Amino acid sequence: MLFAILLGAAIGYAFGKFPGLIIGGAVGAFLFNRLKSKLVGRLRDLQSGFVESVFAVMGAVSKADGVVTRDEIQMAEAMFDRFHLNATQRETAKAAFNRGKSEDFDLDAELQRFRQVCGGQPALLQMFLQVQVSAVSADGQVHPAEHDMLVRIARGLGLPDSLVEQLEATLRGARASASGAGNYSSAQQIDDAYKTLGVSPSIGDAELKRAYRKLMSENHPDKLAGRGLPESMREMAEERTREISHAYDVIKEARKRSA
């Protein structure tokens, strides 16, 4: 704000000496506050739209196999807790979820609307898809119909189909690491780690590091918050960076052993 006042004052002084300086400073402060108000309002609208669209699409995904089960409803409610939604946000999310599972819900139109609301920002679109993948795989598996629905969502958001597999691999790796799954082999872990970073196993060390740093930068919670990610979803953004870091460590360790 100080810069805006000084700039306005300098311009005013150039045209009207001291009186111009006062008027110019006042105009600079006024314009700054107007701009700030618009930006804050847009950010608030984006955050509200993010929550509503996330749960509307989640409702549609829950019907991918033709019926919404009690488990899927409980999954949505668990997401309310995970995102630390307040009472008002919970009611909004519930209404959106019910709207999404209704017969006349237009999934493609909802995805298009969200793309417009977030200005097509890739990081927010990817986080949106990540939430859907996380919700679908809450029971520990992704059914074919659910996978197809996730691919449709990715396409509707203008994202590559491969990102669905990438996010699914990330979740498999994270869950296996947390639970110590005995049926998750070392080879599977390494393969999923490469998929998590979106790179080929043949990639060189330098390119691997660049890909890792790029992903970490794109998914930094503070950067996502500045672009409109609701604070309630910050925890998921932090989880994503931990998963990316873990995948990078898995690959580095594997390369060290085979060197």
Protein backbone atom coordinates (compact mmCIF):
# COMPACT_ATOMS: atom_id res chain seq x y z
CA MET A 1 0.00 0.00 0.00
CA LEU A 2 2.82 2.39 0.87
CA PHE A 3 4.22 1.99 -2.64
CA ALA A 4 0.83 2.87 -4.17
CA ILE A 5 0.56 6.00 -2.00
CA LEU A 6 4.10 7.13 -2.82
CA LEU A 7 3.60 6.49 -6.53
CA GLY A 8 0.33 8.42 -6.55
CA ALA A 9 1.92 11.24 -4.56
CA ALA A 10 4.89 11.44 -6.94
CA ILE A 11 2.65 11.62 -9.99
CA GLY A 12 0.43 14.19 -8.30
CA TYR A 13 3.40 16.32 -7.29
CA ALA A 14 4.69 16.29 -10.86
CA PHE A 15 1.42 17.82 -12.06
CA GLY A 16 0.31 19.93 -9.13
CA LYS A 17 3.19 20.42 -6.70
CA PHE A 18 2.16 20.06 -3.02
CA PRO A 19 -1.65 20.00 -3.53
CA GLY A 20 -1.14 17.44 -6.27
CA LEU A 21 1.05 15.38 -3.94
CA ILE A 22 -1.76 15.15 -1.35
CA ILE A 23 -4.43 14.35 -3.92
CA GLY A 24 -2.21 11.86 -5.74
CA GLY A 25 -1.40 10.04 -2.49
CA ALA A 26 -5.09 9.80 -1.60
CA VAL A 27 -5.96 8.49 -5.06
CA GLY A 28 -3.15 5.92 -4.84
CA ALA A 29 -4.45 4.66 -1.48
CA PHE A 30 -8.03 4.49 -2.80
CA LEU A 31 -7.06 2.50 -5.90
CA PHE A 32 -4.91 0.12 -3.83
CA ASN A 33 -7.78 -0.63 -1.44
CA ARG A 34 -10.18 -1.20 -4.33
CA LEU A 35 -7.77 -3.63 -5.97
CA LYS A 36 -7.10 -5.42 -2.69
CA SER A 37 -10.82 -5.79 -2.04
CA LYS A 38 -11.38 -7.30 -5.49
CA LEU A 39 -8.51 -9.74 -5.08
CA VAL A 40 -9.67 -10.86 -1.63
CA GLY A 41 -13.22 -11.30 -2.94
CA ARG A 42 -12.03 -13.33 -5.92
CA LEU A 43 -9.90 -15.55 -3.66
CA ARG A 44 -12.88 -16.12 -1.35
CA ASP A 45 -15.12 -17.03 -4.29
CA LEU A 46 -12.48 -19.41 -5.64
CA GLN A 47 -12.08 -21.17 -2.29
CA SER A 48 -15.85 -21.52 -1.91
CA GLY A 49 -16.17 -22.80 -5.47
CA PHE A 50 -13.38 -25.31 -4.90
CA VAL A 51 -15.14 -26.92 -1.93
CA GLU A 52 -18.54 -27.00 -3.66
CA SER A 53 -17.26 -28.46 -6.93
CA VAL A 54 -15.03 -31.00 -5.17
CA PHE A 55 -17.96 -32.53 -3.29
CA ALA A 56 -20.40 -32.27 -6.19
CA VAL A 57 -18.03 -34.25 -8.38
CA MET A 58 -17.35 -36.63 -5.49
CA GLY A 59 -21.08 -37.34 -5.37
CA ALA A 60 -21.05 -38.14 -9.09
CA VAL A 61 -18.01 -40.42 -8.70
CA SER A 62 -19.73 -42.31 -5.88
CA LYS A 63 -22.41 -43.30 -8.41
CA ALA A 64 -19.89 -44.56 -10.97
CA ASP A 65 -20.97 -48.15 -10.29
CA GLY A 66 -24.67 -47.25 -10.34
CA VAL A 67 -25.38 -47.01 -6.60
CA VAL A 68 -24.22 -44.87 -3.68
CA THR A 69 -23.38 -47.13 -0.75
CA ARG A 70 -23.31 -46.30 2.93
CA ASP A 71 -19.54 -46.73 2.84
CA GLU A 72 -19.27 -44.04 0.17
CA ILE A 73 -21.40 -41.66 2.20
CA GLN A 74 -19.18 -42.31 5.21
CA MET A 75 -16.15 -41.66 3.01
CA ALA A 76 -17.56 -38.24 2.08
CA GLU A 77 -18.24 -37.48 5.74
CA ALA A 78 -14.68 -38.52 6.60
CA MET A 79 -13.51 -35.99 4.01
CA PHE A 80 -15.45 -33.30 5.90
CA ASP A 81 -13.32 -34.12 8.94
CA ARG A 82 -10.11 -34.42 6.99
CA PHE A 83 -10.61 -30.96 5.48
CA HIS A 84 -11.63 -29.50 8.87
CA LEU A 85 -14.81 -28.01 7.44
CA ASN A 86 -16.82 -25.78 9.78
CA ALA A 87 -20.58 -26.18 10.22
CA THR A 88 -21.45 -23.89 7.32
CA GLN A 89 -18.93 -25.51 4.99
CA ARG A 90 -20.22 -28.97 5.94
CA GLU A 91 -23.76 -28.04 4.95
CA THR A 92 -22.47 -26.64 1.65
CA ALA A 93 -20.43 -29.80 1.04
CA LYS A 94 -23.39 -32.10 1.88
CA ALA A 95 -25.68 -30.20 -0.47
CA ALA A 96 -23.05 -30.34 -3.21
CA PHE A 97 -22.51 -34.09 -2.70
CA ASN A 98 -26.26 -34.72 -2.98
CA ARG A 99 -26.42 -32.53 -6.09
CA GLY A 100 -23.59 -34.53 -7.65
CA LYS A 101 -25.26 -37.90 -7.13
CA SER A 102 -28.60 -36.75 -8.56
CA GLU A 103 -29.76 -38.16 -11.89
CA ASP A 104 -29.69 -34.81 -13.70
CA PHE A 105 -26.18 -33.77 -12.57
CA ASP A 106 -24.06 -32.55 -15.48
CA LEU A 107 -20.53 -33.64 -14.62
CA ASP A 108 -18.89 -32.13 -17.70
CA ALA A 109 -20.55 -28.75 -17.11
CA GLU A 110 -19.42 -28.77 -13.46
CA LEU A 111 -15.83 -29.49 -14.45
CA GLN A 112 -15.93 -26.75 -17.09
CA ARG A 113 -17.32 -24.30 -14.54
CA PHE A 114 -14.56 -25.11 -12.08
CA ARG A 115 -11.90 -24.67 -14.77
CA GLN A 116 -13.24 -21.18 -15.36
CA VAL A 117 -13.48 -20.33 -11.65
CA CYS A 118 -9.85 -21.27 -11.00
CA GLY A 119 -8.61 -19.66 -14.19
CA GLY A 120 -7.30 -22.98 -15.49
CA GLN A 121 -4.43 -23.02 -12.97
CA PRO A 122 -2.78 -26.47 -13.40
CA ALA A 123 -1.79 -26.82 -9.72
CA LEU A 124 -5.36 -26.29 -8.49
CA LEU A 125 -6.78 -28.58 -11.17
CA GLN A 126 -4.34 -31.31 -10.18
CA MET A 127 -5.21 -30.88 -6.49
CA PHE A 128 -8.89 -31.18 -7.42
CA LEU A 129 -8.18 -34.47 -9.20
CA GLN A 130 -6.04 -35.66 -6.29
CA VAL A 131 -8.96 -35.22 -3.91
CA GLN A 132 -11.17 -37.35 -6.18
CA VAL A 133 -8.54 -40.10 -6.46
CA SER A 134 -8.08 -40.08 -2.69
CA ALA A 135 -11.83 -40.35 -2.13
CA VAL A 136 -12.29 -43.16 -4.66
CA SER A 137 -9.46 -45.22 -3.18
CA ALA A 138 -10.53 -44.68 0.43
CA ASP A 139 -11.51 -48.37 0.60
CA GLY A 140 -8.02 -49.40 -0.51
CA GLN A 141 -8.81 -50.09 -4.15
CA VAL A 142 -9.96 -48.40 -7.34
CA HIS A 143 -12.58 -50.30 -9.34
CA PRO A 144 -12.50 -50.17 -13.17
CA ALA A 145 -15.67 -48.04 -13.36
CA GLU A 146 -14.19 -45.63 -10.83
CA HIS A 147 -10.91 -45.44 -12.73
CA ASP A 148 -12.81 -44.65 -15.94
CA MET A 149 -14.69 -41.90 -14.11
CA LEU A 150 -11.41 -40.44 -12.83
CA VAL A 151 -10.04 -40.40 -16.38
CA ARG A 152 -13.19 -38.60 -17.52
CA ILE A 153 -12.69 -36.03 -14.75
CA ALA A 154 -9.05 -35.52 -15.75
CA ARG A 155 -10.07 -34.91 -19.35
CA GLY A 156 -12.83 -32.53 -18.25
CA LEU A 157 -10.23 -30.54 -16.33
CA GLY A 158 -7.90 -30.49 -19.30
CA LEU A 159 -5.38 -32.78 -17.59
CA PRO A 160 -3.61 -35.80 -19.15
CA ASP A 161 -5.01 -39.29 -18.56
CA SER A 162 -1.60 -40.33 -17.24
CA LEU A 163 -2.06 -38.09 -14.21
CA VAL A 164 -4.75 -40.43 -12.88
CA GLU A 165 -2.33 -43.37 -12.88
CA GLN A 166 0.33 -41.12 -11.39
CA LEU A 167 -1.89 -40.14 -8.46
CA GLU A 168 -3.11 -43.72 -7.97
CA ALA A 169 0.52 -44.88 -7.79
CA THR A 170 1.27 -42.14 -5.26
CA LEU A 171 -1.53 -43.31 -2.99
CA ARG A 172 -0.52 -46.97 -3.28
CA GLY A 173 3.01 -46.09 -2.26
CA ALA A 174 1.89 -43.91 0.63
CA ARG A 175 -0.50 -46.50 2.03
CA ALA A 176 1.96 -49.35 1.68
CA SER A 177 4.61 -47.27 3.44
CA ALA A 178 2.23 -46.40 6.27
CA SER A 179 0.86 -49.92 6.76
CA GLY A 180 3.95 -51.93 5.83
CA ALA A 181 1.89 -53.98 3.38
CA GLY A 182 3.56 -57.36 2.95
CA ASN A 183 2.18 -57.95 -0.55
CA TYR A 184 3.72 -54.73 -1.87
CA SER A 185 7.05 -55.80 -3.36
CA SER A 186 10.16 -53.67 -3.64
CA ALA A 187 9.83 -53.71 -7.42
CA GLN A 188 6.25 -52.40 -7.17
CA GLN A 189 7.35 -49.70 -4.76
CA ILE A 190 10.08 -48.49 -7.13
CA ASP A 191 7.77 -48.63 -10.14
CA ASP A 192 5.13 -46.57 -8.31
CA ALA A 193 7.81 -44.12 -7.17
CA TYR A 194 8.72 -43.38 -10.80
CA LYS A 195 5.03 -43.01 -11.66
CA THR A 196 4.58 -40.63 -8.73
CA LEU A 197 7.25 -38.34 -10.15
CA GLY A 198 5.88 -38.81 -13.66
CA VAL A 199 9.22 -39.95 -15.08
CA SER A 200 10.66 -43.00 -16.83
CA PRO A 201 13.05 -45.38 -14.99
CA SER A 202 15.60 -44.60 -17.73
CA ILE A 203 15.81 -40.93 -16.76
CA GLY A 204 19.22 -39.61 -15.69
CA ASP A 205 19.98 -38.46 -12.15
CA ALA A 206 20.14 -34.79 -13.08
CA GLU A 207 16.80 -34.91 -14.94
CA LEU A 208 15.28 -36.88 -12.07
CA LYS A 209 16.29 -34.18 -9.59
CA ARG A 210 14.86 -31.46 -11.83
CA ALA A 211 11.56 -33.33 -12.15
CA TYR A 212 11.43 -33.78 -8.37
CA ARG A 213 12.13 -30.11 -7.65
CA LYS A 214 9.56 -29.00 -10.22
CA LEU A 215 6.86 -31.17 -8.62
CA MET A 216 7.76 -29.93 -5.13
CA SER A 217 7.57 -26.33 -6.30
CA GLU A 218 4.24 -26.80 -8.07
CA ASN A 219 2.70 -28.50 -5.04
CA HIS A 220 4.07 -26.23 -2.30
CA PRO A 221 1.18 -25.59 0.14
CA ASP A 222 1.89 -21.86 0.43
CA LYS A 223 1.97 -21.45 -3.34
CA LEU A 224 -1.31 -23.35 -3.72
CA ALA A 225 -2.94 -21.29 -0.95
CA GLY A 226 -1.94 -18.11 -2.74
CA ARG A 227 -3.65 -19.40 -5.89
CA GLY A 228 -6.92 -20.15 -4.11
CA LEU A 229 -6.62 -23.55 -2.42
CA PRO A 230 -8.86 -23.46 0.70
CA GLU A 231 -6.94 -23.52 3.97
CA SER A 232 -9.02 -26.56 4.94
CA MET A 233 -7.25 -28.53 2.20
CA ARG A 234 -3.74 -27.47 3.15
CA GLU A 235 -3.18 -30.76 4.96
CA MET A 236 -3.70 -32.69 1.73
CA ALA A 237 -1.26 -30.41 -0.08
CA GLU A 238 1.33 -31.04 2.64
CA GLU A 239 0.68 -34.77 2.35
CA ARG A 240 1.26 -34.58 -1.40
CA THR A 241 4.70 -33.00 -0.95
CA ARG A 242 5.63 -35.68 1.58
CA GLU A 243 4.60 -38.40 -0.88
CA ILE A 244 6.65 -36.80 -3.67
CA SER A 245 9.66 -36.56 -1.36
CA HIS A 246 9.23 -40.18 -0.27
CA ALA A 247 9.08 -41.36 -3.89
CA TYR A 248 12.28 -39.48 -4.68
CA ASP A 249 14.01 -41.08 -1.69
CA VAL A 250 12.85 -44.56 -2.78
CA ILE A 251 14.34 -44.04 -6.25
CA LYS A 252 17.60 -42.61 -4.92
CA GLU A 253 18.01 -45.53 -2.53
CA ALA A 254 17.27 -48.05 -5.30
CA ARG A 255 19.83 -46.43 -7.61
CA LYS A 256 22.39 -46.41 -4.83
CA ARG A 257 21.94 -50.14 -4.25
CA SER A 258 22.27 -50.96 -7.94
CA ALA A 259 25.31 -48.71 -8.52
